[in-house]
PDB file of N, CA and C in Angstrom:
ATOM      1  N   MET A   1      -3.305 -23.734  -5.418  1.00  0.00           N
ATOM      2  CA  MET A   1      -3.375 -22.641  -6.351  1.00  0.00           C
ATOM      3  C   MET A   1      -1.975 -22.083  -6.546  1.00  0.00           C
ATOM      4  N   LYS A   2      -1.634 -21.834  -7.789  1.00  0.00           N
ATOM      5  CA  LYS A   2      -0.324 -21.298  -8.114  1.00  0.00           C
ATOM      6  C   LYS A   2      -0.415 -19.772  -8.207  1.00  0.00           C
ATOM      7  N   ILE A   3       0.500 -19.087  -7.530  1.00  0.00           N
ATOM      8  CA  ILE A   3       0.521 -17.628  -7.538  1.00  0.00           C
ATOM      9  C   ILE A   3       1.829 -17.165  -8.170  1.00  0.00           C
ATOM     10  N   ASN A   4       1.715 -16.423  -9.280  1.00  0.00           N
ATOM     11  CA  ASN A   4       2.876 -15.829  -9.932  1.00  0.00           C
ATOM     12  C   ASN A   4       3.000 -14.388  -9.458  1.00  0.00           C
ATOM     13  N   ILE A   5       4.154 -14.054  -8.893  1.00  0.00           N
ATOM     14  CA  ILE A   5       4.375 -12.711  -8.363  1.00  0.00           C
ATOM     15  C   ILE A   5       5.508 -12.071  -9.146  1.00  0.00           C
ATOM     16  N   SER A   6       5.247 -10.880  -9.654  1.00  0.00           N
ATOM     17  CA  SER A   6       6.296 -10.141 -10.353  1.00  0.00           C
ATOM     18  C   SER A   6       6.309  -8.714  -9.828  1.00  0.00           C
ATOM     19  N   GLY A   7       7.468  -8.086  -9.925  1.00  0.00           N
ATOM     20  CA  GLY A   7       7.626  -6.733  -9.423  1.00  0.00           C
ATOM     21  C   GLY A   7       8.094  -5.780 -10.493  1.00  0.00           C
ATOM     22  N   HIS A   8       7.561  -4.588 -10.465  1.00  0.00           N
ATOM     23  CA  HIS A   8       7.958  -3.532 -11.387  1.00  0.00           C
ATOM     24  C   HIS A   8       8.501  -2.381 -10.537  1.00  0.00           C
ATOM     25  N   HIS A   9       9.785  -2.128 -10.647  1.00  0.00           N
ATOM     26  CA  HIS A   9      10.495  -1.137  -9.832  1.00  0.00           C
ATOM     27  C   HIS A   9      10.509  -1.523  -8.352  1.00  0.00           C
ATOM     28  N   ILE A  10      10.412  -2.811  -8.081  1.00  0.00           N
ATOM     29  CA  ILE A  10      10.445  -3.294  -6.707  1.00  0.00           C
ATOM     30  C   ILE A  10      11.029  -4.695  -6.708  1.00  0.00           C
ATOM     31  N   GLU A  11      11.800  -4.988  -5.670  1.00  0.00           N
ATOM     32  CA  GLU A  11      12.340  -6.336  -5.510  1.00  0.00           C
ATOM     33  C   GLU A  11      11.357  -7.150  -4.683  1.00  0.00           C
ATOM     34  N   VAL A  12      10.966  -8.288  -5.213  1.00  0.00           N
ATOM     35  CA  VAL A  12      10.013  -9.160  -4.522  1.00  0.00           C
ATOM     36  C   VAL A  12      10.800  -9.999  -3.522  1.00  0.00           C
ATOM     37  N   THR A  13      10.630  -9.697  -2.236  1.00  0.00           N
ATOM     38  CA  THR A  13      11.354 -10.406  -1.183  1.00  0.00           C
ATOM     39  C   THR A  13      10.552 -11.616  -0.715  1.00  0.00           C
ATOM     40  N   GLU A  14      11.195 -12.418   0.117  1.00  0.00           N
ATOM     41  CA  GLU A  14      10.507 -13.588   0.669  1.00  0.00           C
ATOM     42  C   GLU A  14       9.359 -13.179   1.565  1.00  0.00           C
ATOM     43  N   ALA A  15       9.518 -12.080   2.290  1.00  0.00           N
ATOM     44  CA  ALA A  15       8.455 -11.608   3.185  1.00  0.00           C
ATOM     45  C   ALA A  15       7.213 -11.223   2.389  1.00  0.00           C
ATOM     46  N   ILE A  16       7.412 -10.532   1.289  1.00  0.00           N
ATOM     47  CA  ILE A  16       6.278 -10.140   0.441  1.00  0.00           C
ATOM     48  C   ILE A  16       5.610 -11.384  -0.133  1.00  0.00           C
ATOM     49  N   THR A  17       6.407 -12.335  -0.583  1.00  0.00           N
ATOM     50  CA  THR A  17       5.870 -13.584  -1.137  1.00  0.00           C
ATOM     51  C   THR A  17       5.067 -14.342  -0.086  1.00  0.00           C
ATOM     52  N   GLU A  18       5.579 -14.410   1.137  1.00  0.00           N
ATOM     53  CA  GLU A  18       4.881 -15.107   2.228  1.00  0.00           C
ATOM     54  C   GLU A  18       3.537 -14.447   2.523  1.00  0.00           C
ATOM     55  N   VAL A  19       3.516 -13.109   2.574  1.00  0.00           N
ATOM     56  CA  VAL A  19       2.280 -12.398   2.888  1.00  0.00           C
ATOM     57  C   VAL A  19       1.246 -12.622   1.786  1.00  0.00           C
ATOM     58  N   ILE A  20       1.663 -12.522   0.540  1.00  0.00           N
ATOM     59  CA  ILE A  20       0.730 -12.723  -0.568  1.00  0.00           C
ATOM     60  C   ILE A  20       0.194 -14.151  -0.564  1.00  0.00           C
ATOM     61  N   ASN A  21       1.062 -15.119  -0.359  1.00  0.00           N
ATOM     62  CA  ASN A  21       0.620 -16.525  -0.333  1.00  0.00           C
ATOM     63  C   ASN A  21      -0.347 -16.783   0.815  1.00  0.00           C
ATOM     64  N   SER A  22      -0.058 -16.252   1.999  1.00  0.00           N
ATOM     65  CA  SER A  22      -0.933 -16.505   3.144  1.00  0.00           C
ATOM     66  C   SER A  22      -2.274 -15.800   2.995  1.00  0.00           C
ATOM     67  N   LYS A  23      -2.279 -14.583   2.469  1.00  0.00           N
ATOM     68  CA  LYS A  23      -3.539 -13.851   2.306  1.00  0.00           C
ATOM     69  C   LYS A  23      -4.427 -14.480   1.239  1.00  0.00           C
ATOM     70  N   PHE A  24      -3.827 -14.851   0.104  1.00  0.00           N
ATOM     71  CA  PHE A  24      -4.628 -15.412  -0.972  1.00  0.00           C
ATOM     72  C   PHE A  24      -4.948 -16.881  -0.763  1.00  0.00           C
ATOM     73  N   LYS A  25      -4.364 -17.499   0.251  1.00  0.00           N
ATOM     74  CA  LYS A  25      -4.711 -18.884   0.585  1.00  0.00           C
ATOM     75  C   LYS A  25      -6.164 -18.953   1.047  1.00  0.00           C
ATOM     76  N   LYS A  26      -6.634 -17.904   1.723  1.00  0.00           N
ATOM     77  CA  LYS A  26      -8.024 -17.852   2.160  1.00  0.00           C
ATOM     78  C   LYS A  26      -8.965 -17.793   0.959  1.00  0.00           C
ATOM     79  N   VAL A  27      -8.564 -17.027  -0.056  1.00  0.00           N
ATOM     80  CA  VAL A  27      -9.373 -16.942  -1.273  1.00  0.00           C
ATOM     81  C   VAL A  27      -9.424 -18.313  -1.951  1.00  0.00           C
ATOM     82  N   ALA A  28      -8.300 -19.014  -1.968  1.00  0.00           N
ATOM     83  CA  ALA A  28      -8.252 -20.343  -2.578  1.00  0.00           C
ATOM     84  C   ALA A  28      -9.145 -21.329  -1.833  1.00  0.00           C
ATOM     85  N   ASN A  29      -9.274 -21.170  -0.521  1.00  0.00           N
ATOM     86  CA  ASN A  29     -10.151 -22.061   0.244  1.00  0.00           C
ATOM     87  C   ASN A  29     -11.624 -21.816  -0.093  1.00  0.00           C
ATOM     88  N   HIS A  30     -11.996 -20.551  -0.316  1.00  0.00           N
ATOM     89  CA  HIS A  30     -13.383 -20.229  -0.636  1.00  0.00           C
ATOM     90  C   HIS A  30     -13.738 -20.567  -2.086  1.00  0.00           C
ATOM     91  N   PHE A  31     -12.742 -20.515  -2.967  1.00  0.00           N
ATOM     92  CA  PHE A  31     -12.966 -20.780  -4.384  1.00  0.00           C
ATOM     93  C   PHE A  31     -11.959 -21.830  -4.857  1.00  0.00           C
ATOM     94  N   PRO A  32     -12.219 -23.109  -4.591  1.00  0.00           N
ATOM     95  CA  PRO A  32     -11.244 -24.155  -4.912  1.00  0.00           C
ATOM     96  C   PRO A  32     -11.017 -24.374  -6.402  1.00  0.00           C
ATOM     97  N   SER A  33     -11.908 -23.844  -7.247  1.00  0.00           N
ATOM     98  CA  SER A  33     -11.721 -24.047  -8.685  1.00  0.00           C
ATOM     99  C   SER A  33     -10.686 -23.092  -9.278  1.00  0.00           C
ATOM    100  N   LEU A  34     -10.191 -22.141  -8.500  1.00  0.00           N
ATOM    101  CA  LEU A  34      -9.136 -21.248  -9.000  1.00  0.00           C
ATOM    102  C   LEU A  34      -7.848 -22.035  -9.149  1.00  0.00           C
ATOM    103  N   MET A  35      -7.249 -21.954 -10.317  1.00  0.00           N
ATOM    104  CA  MET A  35      -6.018 -22.693 -10.570  1.00  0.00           C
ATOM    105  C   MET A  35      -4.780 -21.821 -10.412  1.00  0.00           C
ATOM    106  N   SER A  36      -4.858 -20.574 -10.883  1.00  0.00           N
ATOM    107  CA  SER A  36      -3.685 -19.711 -10.816  1.00  0.00           C
ATOM    108  C   SER A  36      -4.106 -18.268 -10.589  1.00  0.00           C
ATOM    109  N   LEU A  37      -3.132 -17.491 -10.155  1.00  0.00           N
ATOM    110  CA  LEU A  37      -3.340 -16.086  -9.832  1.00  0.00           C
ATOM    111  C   LEU A  37      -2.065 -15.356 -10.205  1.00  0.00           C
ATOM    112  N   GLU A  38      -2.186 -14.192 -10.783  1.00  0.00           N
ATOM    113  CA  GLU A  38      -1.007 -13.417 -11.134  1.00  0.00           C
ATOM    114  C   GLU A  38      -1.054 -12.083 -10.402  1.00  0.00           C
ATOM    115  N   ALA A  39      -0.009 -11.792  -9.629  1.00  0.00           N
ATOM    116  CA  ALA A  39       0.084 -10.546  -8.874  1.00  0.00           C
ATOM    117  C   ALA A  39       1.257  -9.728  -9.397  1.00  0.00           C
ATOM    118  N   ILE A  40       0.987  -8.465  -9.705  1.00  0.00           N
ATOM    119  CA  ILE A  40       2.029  -7.556 -10.190  1.00  0.00           C
ATOM    120  C   ILE A  40       2.143  -6.415  -9.199  1.00  0.00           C
ATOM    121  N   LEU A  41       3.333  -6.280  -8.627  1.00  0.00           N
ATOM    122  CA  LEU A  41       3.613  -5.223  -7.660  1.00  0.00           C
ATOM    123  C   LEU A  41       4.324  -4.077  -8.361  1.00  0.00           C
ATOM    124  N   THR A  42       3.917  -2.834  -8.054  1.00  0.00           N
ATOM    125  CA  THR A  42       4.492  -1.665  -8.694  1.00  0.00           C
ATOM    126  C   THR A  42       4.706  -0.572  -7.654  1.00  0.00           C
ATOM    127  N   VAL A  43       5.803   0.179  -7.805  1.00  0.00           N
ATOM    128  CA  VAL A  43       6.053   1.339  -6.963  1.00  0.00           C
ATOM    129  C   VAL A  43       6.185   2.550  -7.873  1.00  0.00           C
ATOM    130  N   ASP A  44       5.348   3.556  -7.647  1.00  0.00           N
ATOM    131  CA  ASP A  44       5.400   4.812  -8.388  1.00  0.00           C
ATOM    132  C   ASP A  44       5.335   5.968  -7.405  1.00  0.00           C
ATOM    133  N   LYS A  45       6.426   6.692  -7.258  1.00  0.00           N
ATOM    134  CA  LYS A  45       6.486   7.888  -6.404  1.00  0.00           C
ATOM    135  C   LYS A  45       5.874   7.636  -5.027  1.00  0.00           C
ATOM    136  N   ASN A  46       6.401   6.667  -4.315  1.00  0.00           N
ATOM    137  CA  ASN A  46       6.007   6.321  -2.945  1.00  0.00           C
ATOM    138  C   ASN A  46       4.582   5.787  -2.825  1.00  0.00           C
ATOM    139  N   VAL A  47       3.977   5.385  -3.924  1.00  0.00           N
ATOM    140  CA  VAL A  47       2.666   4.733  -3.890  1.00  0.00           C
ATOM    141  C   VAL A  47       2.870   3.287  -4.292  1.00  0.00           C
ATOM    142  N   GLN A  48       2.486   2.389  -3.400  1.00  0.00           N
ATOM    143  CA  GLN A  48       2.620   0.952  -3.641  1.00  0.00           C
ATOM    144  C   GLN A  48       1.338   0.444  -4.283  1.00  0.00           C
ATOM    145  N   LYS A  49       1.454  -0.253  -5.389  1.00  0.00           N
ATOM    146  CA  LYS A  49       0.281  -0.766  -6.096  1.00  0.00           C
ATOM    147  C   LYS A  49       0.407  -2.269  -6.269  1.00  0.00           C
ATOM    148  N   ILE A  50      -0.741  -2.929  -6.278  1.00  0.00           N
ATOM    149  CA  ILE A  50      -0.791  -4.354  -6.589  1.00  0.00           C
ATOM    150  C   ILE A  50      -1.969  -4.587  -7.528  1.00  0.00           C
ATOM    151  N   GLU A  51      -1.721  -5.342  -8.568  1.00  0.00           N
ATOM    152  CA  GLU A  51      -2.759  -5.745  -9.511  1.00  0.00           C
ATOM    153  C   GLU A  51      -2.813  -7.269  -9.500  1.00  0.00           C
ATOM    154  N   VAL A  52      -4.011  -7.800  -9.368  1.00  0.00           N
ATOM    155  CA  VAL A  52      -4.186  -9.245  -9.292  1.00  0.00           C
ATOM    156  C   VAL A  52      -5.167  -9.665 -10.379  1.00  0.00           C
ATOM    157  N   VAL A  53      -4.780 -10.679 -11.150  1.00  0.00           N
ATOM    158  CA  VAL A  53      -5.599 -11.164 -12.268  1.00  0.00           C
ATOM    159  C   VAL A  53      -5.732 -12.679 -12.157  1.00  0.00           C
ATOM    160  N   THR A  54      -6.950 -13.168 -12.395  1.00  0.00           N
ATOM    161  CA  THR A  54      -7.191 -14.601 -12.417  1.00  0.00           C
ATOM    162  C   THR A  54      -8.339 -14.898 -13.370  1.00  0.00           C
ATOM    163  N   ASN A  55      -8.548 -16.162 -13.670  1.00  0.00           N
ATOM    164  CA  ASN A  55      -9.695 -16.606 -14.460  1.00  0.00           C
ATOM    165  C   ASN A  55     -10.602 -17.420 -13.560  1.00  0.00           C
ATOM    166  N   TYR A  56     -11.891 -17.075 -13.569  1.00  0.00           N
ATOM    167  CA  TYR A  56     -12.875 -17.805 -12.772  1.00  0.00           C
ATOM    168  C   TYR A  56     -14.108 -18.038 -13.626  1.00  0.00           C
ATOM    169  N   GLU A  57     -14.459 -19.273 -13.825  1.00  0.00           N
ATOM    170  CA  GLU A  57     -15.614 -19.665 -14.628  1.00  0.00           C
ATOM    171  C   GLU A  57     -15.548 -19.029 -16.020  1.00  0.00           C
ATOM    172  N   ASN A  58     -14.408 -19.183 -16.676  1.00  0.00           N
ATOM    173  CA  ASN A  58     -14.163 -18.710 -18.042  1.00  0.00           C
ATOM    174  C   ASN A  58     -14.287 -17.197 -18.194  1.00  0.00           C
ATOM    175  N   GLN A  59     -14.065 -16.458 -17.134  1.00  0.00           N
ATOM    176  CA  GLN A  59     -14.116 -14.998 -17.176  1.00  0.00           C
ATOM    177  C   GLN A  59     -12.913 -14.451 -16.426  1.00  0.00           C
ATOM    178  N   GLN A  60     -12.248 -13.463 -17.008  1.00  0.00           N
ATOM    179  CA  GLN A  60     -11.095 -12.873 -16.348  1.00  0.00           C
ATOM    180  C   GLN A  60     -11.574 -11.915 -15.267  1.00  0.00           C
ATOM    181  N   VAL A  61     -11.004 -12.071 -14.074  1.00  0.00           N
ATOM    182  CA  VAL A  61     -11.325 -11.213 -12.946  1.00  0.00           C
ATOM    183  C   VAL A  61     -10.041 -10.498 -12.542  1.00  0.00           C
ATOM    184  N   ALA A  62     -10.086  -9.166 -12.533  1.00  0.00           N
ATOM    185  CA  ALA A  62      -8.898  -8.378 -12.210  1.00  0.00           C
ATOM    186  C   ALA A  62      -9.258  -7.317 -11.177  1.00  0.00           C
ATOM    187  N   VAL A  63      -8.393  -7.151 -10.196  1.00  0.00           N
ATOM    188  CA  VAL A  63      -8.565  -6.098  -9.193  1.00  0.00           C
ATOM    189  C   VAL A  63      -7.224  -5.411  -8.987  1.00  0.00           C
ATOM    190  N   SER A  64      -7.292  -4.190  -8.491  1.00  0.00           N
ATOM    191  CA  SER A  64      -6.062  -3.478  -8.161  1.00  0.00           C
ATOM    192  C   SER A  64      -6.308  -2.654  -6.900  1.00  0.00           C
ATOM    193  N   ALA A  65      -5.231  -2.429  -6.173  1.00  0.00           N
ATOM    194  CA  ALA A  65      -5.301  -1.630  -4.952  1.00  0.00           C
ATOM    195  C   ALA A  65      -3.988  -0.875  -4.802  1.00  0.00           C
ATOM    196  N   HIS A  66      -4.058   0.277  -4.159  1.00  0.00           N
ATOM    197  CA  HIS A  66      -2.835   1.043  -3.911  1.00  0.00           C
ATOM    198  C   HIS A  66      -2.923   1.710  -2.541  1.00  0.00           C
ATOM    199  N   ASP A  67      -1.765   1.918  -1.946  1.00  0.00           N
ATOM    200  CA  ASP A  67      -1.671   2.534  -0.630  1.00  0.00           C
ATOM    201  C   ASP A  67      -0.224   2.957  -0.420  1.00  0.00           C
ATOM    202  N   ASP A  68       0.018   3.713   0.640  1.00  0.00           N
ATOM    203  CA  ASP A  68       1.393   4.080   0.980  1.00  0.00           C
ATOM    204  C   ASP A  68       2.171   2.870   1.486  1.00  0.00           C
ATOM    205  N   ASP A  69       1.469   1.927   2.111  1.00  0.00           N
ATOM    206  CA  ASP A  69       2.080   0.715   2.644  1.00  0.00           C
ATOM    207  C   ASP A  69       1.698  -0.465   1.757  1.00  0.00           C
ATOM    208  N   LEU A  70       2.675  -1.217   1.316  1.00  0.00           N
ATOM    209  CA  LEU A  70       2.429  -2.340   0.406  1.00  0.00           C
ATOM    210  C   LEU A  70       1.560  -3.407   1.052  1.00  0.00           C
ATOM    211  N   TYR A  71       1.769  -3.671   2.341  1.00  0.00           N
ATOM    212  CA  TYR A  71       1.023  -4.728   3.013  1.00  0.00           C
ATOM    213  C   TYR A  71      -0.461  -4.369   3.147  1.00  0.00           C
ATOM    214  N   VAL A  72      -0.768  -3.093   3.322  1.00  0.00           N
ATOM    215  CA  VAL A  72      -2.166  -2.647   3.355  1.00  0.00           C
ATOM    216  C   VAL A  72      -2.790  -2.813   1.970  1.00  0.00           C
ATOM    217  N   ALA A  73      -2.032  -2.480   0.933  1.00  0.00           N
ATOM    218  CA  ALA A  73      -2.524  -2.644  -0.427  1.00  0.00           C
ATOM    219  C   ALA A  73      -2.804  -4.117  -0.738  1.00  0.00           C
ATOM    220  N   ILE A  74      -1.950  -5.014  -0.252  1.00  0.00           N
ATOM    221  CA  ILE A  74      -2.173  -6.449  -0.457  1.00  0.00           C
ATOM    222  C   ILE A  74      -3.464  -6.880   0.230  1.00  0.00           C
ATOM    223  N   GLY A  75      -3.678  -6.433   1.458  1.00  0.00           N
ATOM    224  CA  GLY A  75      -4.905  -6.766   2.180  1.00  0.00           C
ATOM    225  C   GLY A  75      -6.150  -6.246   1.475  1.00  0.00           C
ATOM    226  N   ASN A  76      -6.067  -5.026   0.958  1.00  0.00           N
ATOM    227  CA  ASN A  76      -7.204  -4.464   0.230  1.00  0.00           C
ATOM    228  C   ASN A  76      -7.487  -5.238  -1.055  1.00  0.00           C
ATOM    229  N   SER A  77      -6.436  -5.674  -1.726  1.00  0.00           N
ATOM    230  CA  SER A  77      -6.637  -6.427  -2.966  1.00  0.00           C
ATOM    231  C   SER A  77      -7.285  -7.781  -2.686  1.00  0.00           C
ATOM    232  N   VAL A  78      -6.965  -8.386  -1.557  1.00  0.00           N
ATOM    233  CA  VAL A  78      -7.598  -9.663  -1.190  1.00  0.00           C
ATOM    234  C   VAL A  78      -9.097  -9.466  -0.988  1.00  0.00           C
ATOM    235  N   LYS A  79      -9.466  -8.394  -0.282  1.00  0.00           N
ATOM    236  CA  LYS A  79     -10.891  -8.106  -0.060  1.00  0.00           C
ATOM    237  C   LYS A  79     -11.607  -7.846  -1.382  1.00  0.00           C
ATOM    238  N   LYS A  80     -10.969  -7.078  -2.253  1.00  0.00           N
ATOM    239  CA  LYS A  80     -11.579  -6.784  -3.551  1.00  0.00           C
ATOM    240  C   LYS A  80     -11.716  -8.042  -4.398  1.00  0.00           C
ATOM    241  N   MET A  81     -10.720  -8.910  -4.350  1.00  0.00           N
ATOM    242  CA  MET A  81     -10.771 -10.138  -5.141  1.00  0.00           C
ATOM    243  C   MET A  81     -11.894 -11.041  -4.644  1.00  0.00           C
ATOM    244  N   GLU A  82     -12.046 -11.175  -3.333  1.00  0.00           N
ATOM    245  CA  GLU A  82     -13.132 -12.001  -2.805  1.00  0.00           C
ATOM    246  C   GLU A  82     -14.491 -11.447  -3.221  1.00  0.00           C
ATOM    247  N   ALA A  83     -14.641 -10.126  -3.164  1.00  0.00           N
ATOM    248  CA  ALA A  83     -15.907  -9.510  -3.563  1.00  0.00           C
ATOM    249  C   ALA A  83     -16.177  -9.724  -5.051  1.00  0.00           C
ATOM    250  N   ALA A  84     -15.156  -9.577  -5.884  1.00  0.00           N
ATOM    251  CA  ALA A  84     -15.321  -9.758  -7.323  1.00  0.00           C
ATOM    252  C   ALA A  84     -15.655 -11.205  -7.662  1.00  0.00           C
ATOM    253  N   LEU A  85     -15.014 -12.148  -6.973  1.00  0.00           N
ATOM    254  CA  LEU A  85     -15.298 -13.559  -7.229  1.00  0.00           C
ATOM    255  C   LEU A  85     -16.700 -13.939  -6.748  1.00  0.00           C
ATOM    256  N   GLN A  86     -17.127 -13.379  -5.611  1.00  0.00           N
ATOM    257  CA  GLN A  86     -18.486 -13.638  -5.126  1.00  0.00           C
ATOM    258  C   GLN A  86     -19.504 -13.100  -6.125  1.00  0.00           C
ATOM    259  N   HIS A  87     -19.226 -11.915  -6.683  1.00  0.00           N
ATOM    260  CA  HIS A  87     -20.126 -11.343  -7.674  1.00  0.00           C
ATOM    261  C   HIS A  87     -20.207 -12.243  -8.905  1.00  0.00           C
ATOM    262  N   ARG A  88     -19.058 -12.690  -9.373  1.00  0.00           N
ATOM    263  CA  ARG A  88     -19.016 -13.564 -10.553  1.00  0.00           C
ATOM    264  C   ARG A  88     -19.748 -14.874 -10.289  1.00  0.00           C
ATOM    265  N   LYS A  89     -19.588 -15.411  -9.079  1.00  0.00           N
ATOM    266  CA  LYS A  89     -20.257 -16.648  -8.716  1.00  0.00           C
ATOM    267  C   LYS A  89     -21.773 -16.462  -8.725  1.00  0.00           C
ATOM    268  N   GLY A  90     -22.241 -15.307  -8.255  1.00  0.00           N
ATOM    269  CA  GLY A  90     -23.665 -15.010  -8.271  1.00  0.00           C
ATOM    270  C   GLY A  90     -24.207 -14.884  -9.675  1.00  0.00           C
ATOM    271  N   VAL A  91     -23.432 -14.269 -10.568  1.00  0.00           N
ATOM    272  CA  VAL A  91     -23.857 -14.135 -11.955  1.00  0.00           C
ATOM    273  C   VAL A  91     -23.970 -15.508 -12.605  1.00  0.00           C
ATOM    274  N   VAL A  92     -23.009 -16.372 -12.346  1.00  0.00           N
ATOM    275  CA  VAL A  92     -23.029 -17.713 -12.925  1.00  0.00           C
ATOM    276  C   VAL A  92     -24.246 -18.482 -12.423  1.00  0.00           C
ATOM    277  N   LYS A  93     -24.535 -18.392 -11.122  1.00  0.00           N
ATOM    278  CA  LYS A  93     -25.694 -19.100 -10.566  1.00  0.00           C
ATOM    279  C   LYS A  93     -26.998 -18.556 -11.132  1.00  0.00           C
ATOM    280  N   ALA A  94     -27.091 -17.239 -11.285  1.00  0.00           N
ATOM    281  CA  ALA A  94     -28.312 -16.634 -11.818  1.00  0.00           C
ATOM    282  C   ALA A  94     -28.536 -17.061 -13.258  1.00  0.00           C
ATOM    283  N   ASN A  95     -27.478 -17.106 -14.047  1.00  0.00           N
ATOM    284  CA  ASN A  95     -27.611 -17.512 -15.446  1.00  0.00           C
ATOM    285  C   ASN A  95     -27.953 -18.991 -15.572  1.00  0.00           C
ATOM    286  N   ARG A  96     -27.469 -19.783 -14.634  1.00  0.00           N
ATOM    287  CA  ARG A  96     -27.744 -21.218 -14.678  1.00  0.00           C
ATOM    288  C   ARG A  96     -29.222 -21.493 -14.413  1.00  0.00           C
ATOM    289  N   ASN A  97     -29.858 -20.661 -13.583  1.00  0.00           N
ATOM    290  CA  ASN A  97     -31.253 -20.889 -13.230  1.00  0.00           C
ATOM    291  C   ASN A  97     -32.233 -20.294 -14.226  1.00  0.00           C
ATOM    292  N   ASN A  98     -31.776 -19.400 -15.089  1.00  0.00           N
ATOM    293  CA  ASN A  98     -32.665 -18.819 -16.094  1.00  0.00           C
ATOM    294  C   ASN A  98     -32.769 -19.787 -17.267  1.00  0.00           C
ATOM    295  N   LYS A  99     -33.938 -20.332 -17.431  1.00  0.00           N
ATOM    296  CA  LYS A  99     -34.151 -21.274 -18.521  1.00  0.00           C
ATOM    297  C   LYS A  99     -35.031 -20.625 -19.583  1.00  0.00           C
ATOM    298  N   TYR A 100     -34.776 -20.983 -20.781  1.00  0.00           N
ATOM    299  CA  TYR A 100     -35.556 -20.441 -21.888  1.00  0.00           C
ATOM    300  C   TYR A 100     -36.943 -21.050 -21.878  1.00  0.00           C
ATOM    301  N   GLU A 101     -37.946 -20.199 -21.984  1.00  0.00           N
ATOM    302  CA  GLU A 101     -39.322 -20.674 -22.041  1.00  0.00           C
ATOM    303  C   GLU A 101     -39.868 -20.406 -23.431  1.00  0.00           C
ATOM    304  N   VAL A 102     -40.516 -21.400 -23.997  1.00  0.00           N
ATOM    305  CA  VAL A 102     -41.096 -21.269 -25.325  1.00  0.00           C
ATOM    306  C   VAL A 102     -42.452 -20.579 -25.186  1.00  0.00           C
ATOM    307  N   PRO A 103     -42.660 -19.476 -25.902  1.00  0.00           N
ATOM    308  CA  PRO A 103     -43.967 -18.814 -25.846  1.00  0.00           C
ATOM    309  C   PRO A 103     -45.062 -19.705 -26.395  1.00  0.00           C
ATOM    310  N   GLN A 104     -46.299 -19.505 -25.929  1.00  0.00           N
ATOM    311  CA  GLN A 104     -47.434 -20.327 -26.337  1.00  0.00           C
ATOM    312  C   GLN A 104     -47.653 -20.256 -27.843  1.00  0.00           C
ATOM    313  N   SER A 105     -47.356 -19.103 -28.456  1.00  0.00           N
ATOM    314  CA  SER A 105     -47.618 -18.948 -29.888  1.00  0.00           C
ATOM    315  C   SER A 105     -46.683 -19.827 -30.717  1.00  0.00           C
ATOM    316  N   GLU A 106     -45.533 -20.226 -30.169  1.00  0.00           N
ATOM    317  CA  GLU A 106     -44.573 -21.022 -30.921  1.00  0.00           C
ATOM    318  C   GLU A 106     -44.753 -22.527 -30.721  1.00  0.00           C
ATOM    319  N   LEU A 107     -45.620 -22.913 -29.813  1.00  0.00           N
ATOM    320  CA  LEU A 107     -45.830 -24.338 -29.560  1.00  0.00           C
ATOM    321  C   LEU A 107     -46.561 -24.974 -30.728  1.00  0.00           C
ATOM    322  N   VAL A 108     -46.133 -26.146 -31.105  1.00  0.00           N
ATOM    323  CA  VAL A 108     -46.766 -26.872 -32.211  1.00  0.00           C
ATOM    324  C   VAL A 108     -47.842 -27.767 -31.624  1.00  0.00           C
ATOM    325  N   SER A 109     -49.026 -27.685 -32.207  1.00  0.00           N
ATOM    326  CA  SER A 109     -50.110 -28.529 -31.707  1.00  0.00           C
ATOM    327  C   SER A 109     -49.892 -29.964 -32.169  1.00  0.00           C
ATOM    328  N   GLY A 110     -50.232 -30.882 -31.334  1.00  0.00           N
ATOM    329  CA  GLY A 110     -49.992 -32.298 -31.618  1.00  0.00           C
ATOM    330  C   GLY A 110     -51.111 -32.958 -32.381  1.00  0.00           C
ATOM    331  N   ALA A 111     -51.845 -32.256 -33.203  1.00  0.00           N
ATOM    332  CA  ALA A 111     -52.973 -32.833 -33.923  1.00  0.00           C
ATOM    333  C   ALA A 111     -52.583 -33.511 -35.207  1.00  0.00           C
TER     334      ALA A 111
END
C-alpha cells in the first residue's frame, strides 16, 4: 500500500513517516485491497491534527483525529480508519446479500 504524507505548517520527519507507515501497515494487512492512503498532518495553535483519506470498494473513506501529541493523534486515526473500513465492509456484504425479489403480482403465467 502506498502512503502519501504531506504536512501543513509542519515538517514531515523520518520518524513521523516511520510511525505512520508502521501503524497503517496493520490496516493494510486487514484490508489488502487498499491501494493508497493519503495522510495530511496539520499544526494549529499547539493542536496536532491528522486527516487520512482512502478509497475502499469505490467509496471514499476519510477520518481525522487531533491531540496535543502527534503520535497519539496518529494512533487514534488508525483506530478510526479500521472502524470505518469495517463498517464499509459490512455495508458492502449486506448489499451483496440483498437480492431483488419479484412480487407474485408481477409474475407472468406460463399458459
